[in-house]
Protein backbone atom coordinates (compact mmCIF):
# COMPACT_ATOMS: atom_id res chain seq x y z
CA UNK A 1 16.09 2.34 -14.48
CA UNK A 2 16.60 5.57 -12.58
CA UNK A 3 15.07 5.24 -9.10
CA UNK A 4 13.73 8.79 -9.44
CA UNK A 5 11.18 7.44 -11.90
CA UNK A 6 10.86 3.93 -10.48
CA UNK A 7 9.09 4.31 -7.12
CA UNK A 8 7.72 0.77 -7.00
CA UNK A 9 6.84 -1.35 -10.00
CA UNK A 10 5.47 -4.50 -8.38
CA UNK A 11 2.62 -6.48 -9.84
CA UNK A 12 0.59 -9.52 -8.96
CA UNK A 13 1.87 -13.04 -9.26
CA UNK A 14 0.00 -15.35 -11.60
CA UNK A 15 0.88 -18.32 -9.36
CA UNK A 16 -1.62 -19.38 -6.66
CA UNK A 17 -0.54 -19.20 -3.05
CA UNK A 18 -0.80 -22.39 -1.04
CA UNK A 19 -3.33 -21.08 1.45
CA UNK A 20 -5.85 -19.26 -0.73
CA UNK A 21 -6.17 -15.72 -2.03
CA UNK A 22 -3.75 -14.24 -4.54
CA UNK A 23 -2.48 -10.88 -3.44
CA UNK A 24 1.30 -10.94 -3.63
CA UNK A 25 2.98 -8.09 -5.48
CA UNK A 26 5.90 -8.65 -7.80
CA UNK A 27 7.44 -7.34 -11.01
CA UNK A 28 5.74 -9.10 -13.91
CA UNK A 29 2.46 -9.41 -15.72
CA UNK A 30 -0.87 -11.10 -15.18
CA UNK A 31 -3.12 -11.29 -12.16
CA UNK A 32 -5.39 -13.80 -10.58
CA UNK A 33 -7.17 -13.11 -7.36
CA UNK A 34 -9.66 -14.02 -4.70
CA UNK A 35 -11.55 -11.15 -3.14
CA UNK A 36 -11.50 -11.34 0.65
CA UNK A 37 -14.14 -9.94 2.98
CA UNK A 38 -16.57 -8.82 0.31
CA UNK A 39 -19.59 -11.07 0.08
CA UNK A 40 -19.25 -14.07 2.32
CA UNK A 41 -17.22 -16.78 0.66
CA UNK A 42 -17.76 -15.52 -2.86
CA UNK A 43 -14.65 -15.99 -4.97
CA UNK A 44 -13.96 -13.96 -8.09
CA UNK A 45 -11.09 -14.15 -10.51
CA UNK A 46 -9.60 -11.34 -12.58
CA UNK A 47 -6.99 -11.72 -15.26
CA UNK A 48 -5.09 -9.07 -17.10
CA UNK A 49 -1.71 -7.81 -18.21
CA UNK A 50 -0.70 -6.39 -14.85
CA UNK A 51 -1.28 -2.84 -16.09
CA UNK A 52 -4.04 -1.48 -13.91
CA UNK A 53 -5.78 -4.84 -13.70
CA UNK A 54 -9.21 -5.35 -12.20
CA UNK A 55 -12.62 -3.86 -12.80
CA UNK A 56 -14.96 -1.84 -10.65
CA UNK A 57 -18.15 -3.69 -9.88
CA UNK A 58 -20.83 -3.31 -7.29
CA UNK A 59 -24.56 -3.28 -6.66
CA UNK A 60 -27.25 -2.07 -9.01
CA UNK A 61 -27.72 1.24 -7.20
CA UNK A 62 -25.29 4.13 -7.15
CA UNK A 63 -24.46 5.27 -3.60
CA UNK A 64 -24.65 8.90 -2.64
CA UNK A 65 -21.05 10.05 -2.51
CA UNK A 66 -20.30 12.53 0.28
CA UNK A 67 -18.18 15.56 -0.53
CA UNK A 68 -15.40 14.30 1.72
CA UNK A 69 -14.33 11.58 4.13
CA UNK A 70 -11.38 10.57 6.28
CA UNK A 71 -9.51 7.34 6.98
CA UNK A 72 -6.94 6.52 9.63
CA UNK A 73 -4.33 9.26 9.86
CA UNK A 74 -0.54 9.20 9.96
CA UNK A 75 0.53 11.93 12.39
CA UNK A 76 2.17 14.84 10.58
CA UNK A 77 5.85 15.19 11.34
CA UNK A 78 6.14 11.79 12.99
CA UNK A 79 8.62 9.06 12.08
CA UNK A 80 5.78 7.22 10.32
CA UNK A 81 4.96 10.33 8.30
CA UNK A 82 8.55 10.93 7.21
CA UNK A 83 9.38 7.30 6.46
CA UNK A 84 9.87 6.55 2.76
CA UNK A 85 11.26 3.65 0.78
CA UNK A 86 14.46 5.68 0.32
CA UNK A 87 15.04 5.69 4.10
CA UNK A 88 18.35 3.82 3.96
CA UNK A 89 19.47 5.22 0.61
CA UNK A 90 19.16 8.69 2.12
CA UNK A 91 21.53 7.63 4.92
CA UNK A 92 19.01 7.50 7.76
CA UNK A 93 20.14 5.32 10.64
CA UNK A 94 18.17 2.92 12.82
CA UNK A 95 18.05 3.88 16.50
CA UNK A 96 19.04 0.87 18.57
CA UNK A 97 20.32 0.67 22.17
CA UNK A 98 22.69 -2.16 21.29
CA UNK A 99 24.59 -0.60 18.42
CA UNK A 100 25.17 2.64 16.58
CA UNK A 101 25.85 3.18 12.91
CA UNK A 102 26.89 5.89 10.50
CA UNK A 103 24.95 7.16 7.50
CA UNK A 104 27.38 5.31 5.26
CA UNK A 105 26.59 2.03 6.99
CA UNK A 106 22.85 2.79 6.86
CA UNK A 107 23.06 3.21 3.09
CA UNK A 108 24.29 -0.36 2.74
CA UNK A 109 20.98 -1.59 4.18
CA UNK A 110 19.13 -0.45 1.05
CA UNK A 111 20.19 -3.57 -0.81
CA UNK A 112 19.20 -5.92 2.03
CA UNK A 113 15.56 -6.27 0.99
CA UNK A 114 14.56 -9.90 0.50
CA UNK A 115 14.32 -11.28 -3.01
CA UNK A 116 17.42 -9.39 -4.20
CA UNK A 117 15.39 -6.18 -4.33
CA UNK A 118 16.35 -2.81 -2.91
CA UNK A 119 14.04 -0.88 -0.61
CA UNK A 120 14.49 2.36 -2.56
CA UNK A 121 13.19 0.80 -5.77
CA UNK A 122 10.73 -1.89 -4.65
CA UNK A 123 9.88 -1.19 -1.01
CA UNK A 124 6.70 0.87 -1.30
CA UNK A 125 4.36 -1.79 0.15
CA UNK A 126 6.77 -2.60 2.99
CA UNK A 127 6.97 1.15 3.68
CA UNK A 128 3.18 1.52 3.84
CA UNK A 129 2.98 -1.44 6.22
CA UNK A 130 5.72 0.04 8.44
CA UNK A 131 3.95 3.40 8.48
CA UNK A 132 0.68 2.00 9.83
CA UNK A 133 2.33 -0.27 12.40
CA UNK A 134 4.60 2.55 13.58
CA UNK A 135 1.66 4.92 13.88
CA UNK A 136 -0.43 2.55 15.99
CA UNK A 137 2.39 1.11 18.10
CA UNK A 138 4.07 4.43 18.75
CA UNK A 139 7.40 2.79 17.90
CA UNK A 140 9.82 3.20 15.04
CA UNK A 141 9.29 0.09 12.94
CA UNK A 142 11.97 0.00 10.27
CA UNK A 143 11.87 -1.41 6.76
CA UNK A 144 14.28 -4.13 7.80
CA UNK A 145 11.84 -5.09 10.59
CA UNK A 146 9.06 -5.59 8.03
CA UNK A 147 11.52 -7.46 5.82
CA UNK A 148 12.38 -9.81 8.71
CA UNK A 149 9.13 -10.25 10.64
CA UNK A 150 6.37 -9.73 8.03
CA UNK A 151 7.83 -11.18 4.84
CA UNK A 152 7.71 -14.68 6.26
CA UNK A 153 8.93 -16.53 3.18
CA UNK A 154 11.71 -13.99 2.60
CA UNK A 155 10.98 -13.48 -1.08
CA UNK A 156 10.67 -9.69 -1.00
CA UNK A 157 6.92 -9.90 -1.63
CA UNK A 158 4.11 -9.21 0.80
CA UNK A 159 0.88 -11.17 0.56
CA UNK A 160 -2.31 -9.92 2.17
CA UNK A 161 -2.05 -12.78 4.65
CA UNK A 162 1.51 -11.78 5.55
CA UNK A 163 0.47 -8.20 6.22
CA UNK A 164 -2.47 -9.41 8.32
CA UNK A 165 -0.14 -11.60 10.35
CA UNK A 166 2.37 -8.77 10.64
CA UNK A 167 -0.28 -6.42 12.04
CA UNK A 168 -1.21 -9.09 14.55
CA UNK A 169 2.44 -9.70 15.46
CA UNK A 170 3.11 -6.05 16.26
CA UNK A 171 -0.31 -4.83 17.42
CA UNK A 172 -2.40 -7.86 18.41
CA UNK A 173 -1.81 -7.63 22.15
CA UNK A 174 -3.39 -4.19 22.37
CA UNK A 175 -5.67 -4.00 19.35
CA UNK A 176 -8.39 -5.87 17.53
CA UNK A 177 -7.70 -5.85 13.79
CA UNK A 178 -10.30 -6.29 11.04
CA UNK A 179 -8.88 -6.49 7.54
CA UNK A 180 -10.23 -6.69 4.00
CA UNK A 181 -8.99 -6.13 0.47
CA UNK A 182 -10.79 -5.14 -2.71
CA UNK A 183 -9.92 -5.10 -6.37
CA UNK A 184 -12.62 -6.46 -8.68
CA UNK A 185 -15.36 -5.07 -6.44
CA UNK A 186 -13.60 -1.76 -5.77
CA UNK A 187 -16.01 1.14 -6.14
CA UNK A 188 -16.71 4.46 -4.46
CA UNK A 189 -18.83 2.78 -1.81
CA UNK A 190 -15.81 0.84 -0.51
CA UNK A 191 -14.06 4.11 0.29
CA UNK A 192 -17.19 5.52 1.90
CA UNK A 193 -17.53 2.41 4.07
CA UNK A 194 -13.90 2.73 5.17
CA UNK A 195 -14.34 6.41 6.03
CA UNK A 196 -17.40 5.60 8.13
CA UNK A 197 -15.48 3.13 10.28
CA UNK A 198 -13.23 4.56 12.93
CA UNK A 199 -9.48 3.93 12.89
CA UNK A 200 -9.49 2.34 9.43
CA UNK A 201 -6.21 2.58 7.58
CA UNK A 202 -6.21 2.22 3.80
CA UNK A 203 -3.25 0.88 1.84
CA UNK A 204 -3.84 1.65 -1.82
CA UNK A 205 -2.23 0.56 -5.06
CA UNK A 206 -2.01 3.09 -7.85
CA UNK A 207 -1.32 2.39 -11.48
CA UNK A 208 -0.08 4.61 -14.27
CA UNK A 209 2.84 5.72 -16.37
CA UNK A 210 5.02 7.00 -13.54
CA UNK A 211 8.14 7.66 -15.60
CA UNK A 212 6.57 8.81 -18.87
CA UNK A 213 7.88 5.92 -20.96
CA UNK A 214 4.47 4.58 -21.96
CA UNK A 215 4.56 1.63 -19.54
CA UNK A 216 1.99 1.18 -16.78
CA UNK A 217 3.41 0.43 -13.34
CA UNK A 218 2.15 -0.03 -9.77
CA UNK A 219 2.93 1.87 -6.59
CA UNK A 220 1.52 1.78 -3.02
CA UNK A 221 0.60 4.69 -0.72
CA UNK A 222 -1.42 5.16 2.49
CA UNK A 223 -4.67 7.04 1.85
CA UNK A 224 -5.85 9.44 4.55
CA UNK A 225 -9.06 10.89 3.11
CA UNK A 226 -10.91 12.01 0.01
CA UNK A 227 -12.88 14.82 -1.57
CA UNK A 228 -15.20 14.57 -4.56
CA UNK A 229 -14.38 16.72 -7.57
CA UNK A 230 -16.71 18.18 -10.20
CA UNK A 231 -16.32 15.06 -12.35
CA UNK A 232 -17.43 12.75 -9.54
CA UNK A 233 -13.94 11.39 -8.96
CA UNK A 234 -12.58 10.72 -5.49
CA UNK A 235 -9.39 12.74 -5.03
CA UNK A 236 -7.31 11.50 -2.11
CA UNK A 237 -5.15 13.01 0.55
CA UNK A 238 -2.39 10.54 1.27
CA UNK A 239 0.84 9.77 3.06
CA UNK A 240 3.41 8.94 0.40
CA UNK A 241 5.73 5.96 0.55
CA UNK A 242 8.34 7.50 -1.76
CA UNK A 243 10.26 10.76 -1.92
CA UNK A 244 8.85 11.02 -5.42
CA UNK A 245 5.22 11.11 -4.27
CA UNK A 246 5.52 14.86 -3.73
CA UNK A 247 3.30 16.59 -6.29
CA UNK A 248 1.42 13.49 -7.35
CA UNK A 249 -2.37 13.17 -7.21
CA UNK A 250 -4.11 9.87 -6.53
CA UNK A 251 -7.72 9.46 -7.64
CA UNK A 252 -10.46 6.89 -8.03
CA UNK A 253 -11.79 7.47 -11.51
CA UNK A 254 -10.14 8.56 -14.73
CA UNK A 255 -6.58 9.78 -14.21
CA UNK A 256 -4.48 11.98 -16.46
CA UNK A 257 -0.86 10.87 -16.08
CA UNK A 258 0.31 13.98 -17.94
CA UNK A 259 -0.99 15.96 -14.94
CA UNK A 260 0.78 13.64 -12.50
CA UNK A 261 -2.52 11.90 -11.64
CA UNK A 262 -2.63 8.17 -10.93
CA UNK A 263 -5.58 5.83 -10.55
CA UNK A 264 -6.19 3.73 -7.44
CA UNK A 265 -7.11 0.22 -8.55
CA UNK A 266 -6.74 -1.90 -5.40
CA UNK A 267 -6.93 -1.33 -1.64
CA UNK A 268 -6.46 -3.15 1.64
CA UNK A 269 -8.23 -1.82 4.73
CA UNK A 270 -7.25 -2.38 8.36
CA UNK A 271 -9.62 -1.30 11.13
CA UNK A 272 -7.47 -1.18 14.26
CA UNK A 273 -9.31 -0.62 17.55
CA UNK A 274 -8.02 -0.90 21.09
CA UNK A 275 -9.13 -3.97 23.04
């Protein structure tokens, strides 16, 4: 499939992880999950076809939705801001004091993603993770770094636990990190809560027909804030993980794919504060 229309089509595994909580992303269908950090040790399970799985549930009262809110920001014009999953495919080189490389050599790295994937087609979640770590560390963390140091079982997938551990690996000496993820209990209040906490970065999964072929797919971006439209939807500002994110709209609520709108159906939040 043409990469132009295949930004990232990973979906949840239907196979339990050994140490609790199902959150890995992979091509396929079906989902089973444990919601972390929501209501104590409450465990919920959602099943579906992998096409925008999960339902929005919450309390019995509807929260007052502010007109806007902000999450952790990726600095405009920075390496983290410009980084996309096509980094190597576009011939961008890694800066390293021990070696130098040409654009042609850099392009060969695209196929080095674990699990026999390529970064330019399946690296959206690794890209989002690299963006946040690069932003907070002030260093250029490359996709191959995430591939090596965060994807611990080298399968090309990132579990929530792997991302948590990766944040700790790169940032734990200087920062305290509080992390949560939401799918079944995802509602507007979750976004409001995240916007009310300082330095909270939001990795978000969108679903929709990205290539117009009638098939629902998944793609990850970093949300930076929201406004509320006349229909009560949350419309997000975001830092894209793909070159193809330009012109897309990401919303929480009904999305019209024909207008290049895509629905957020799952998020992971990371509150990163200096020690």
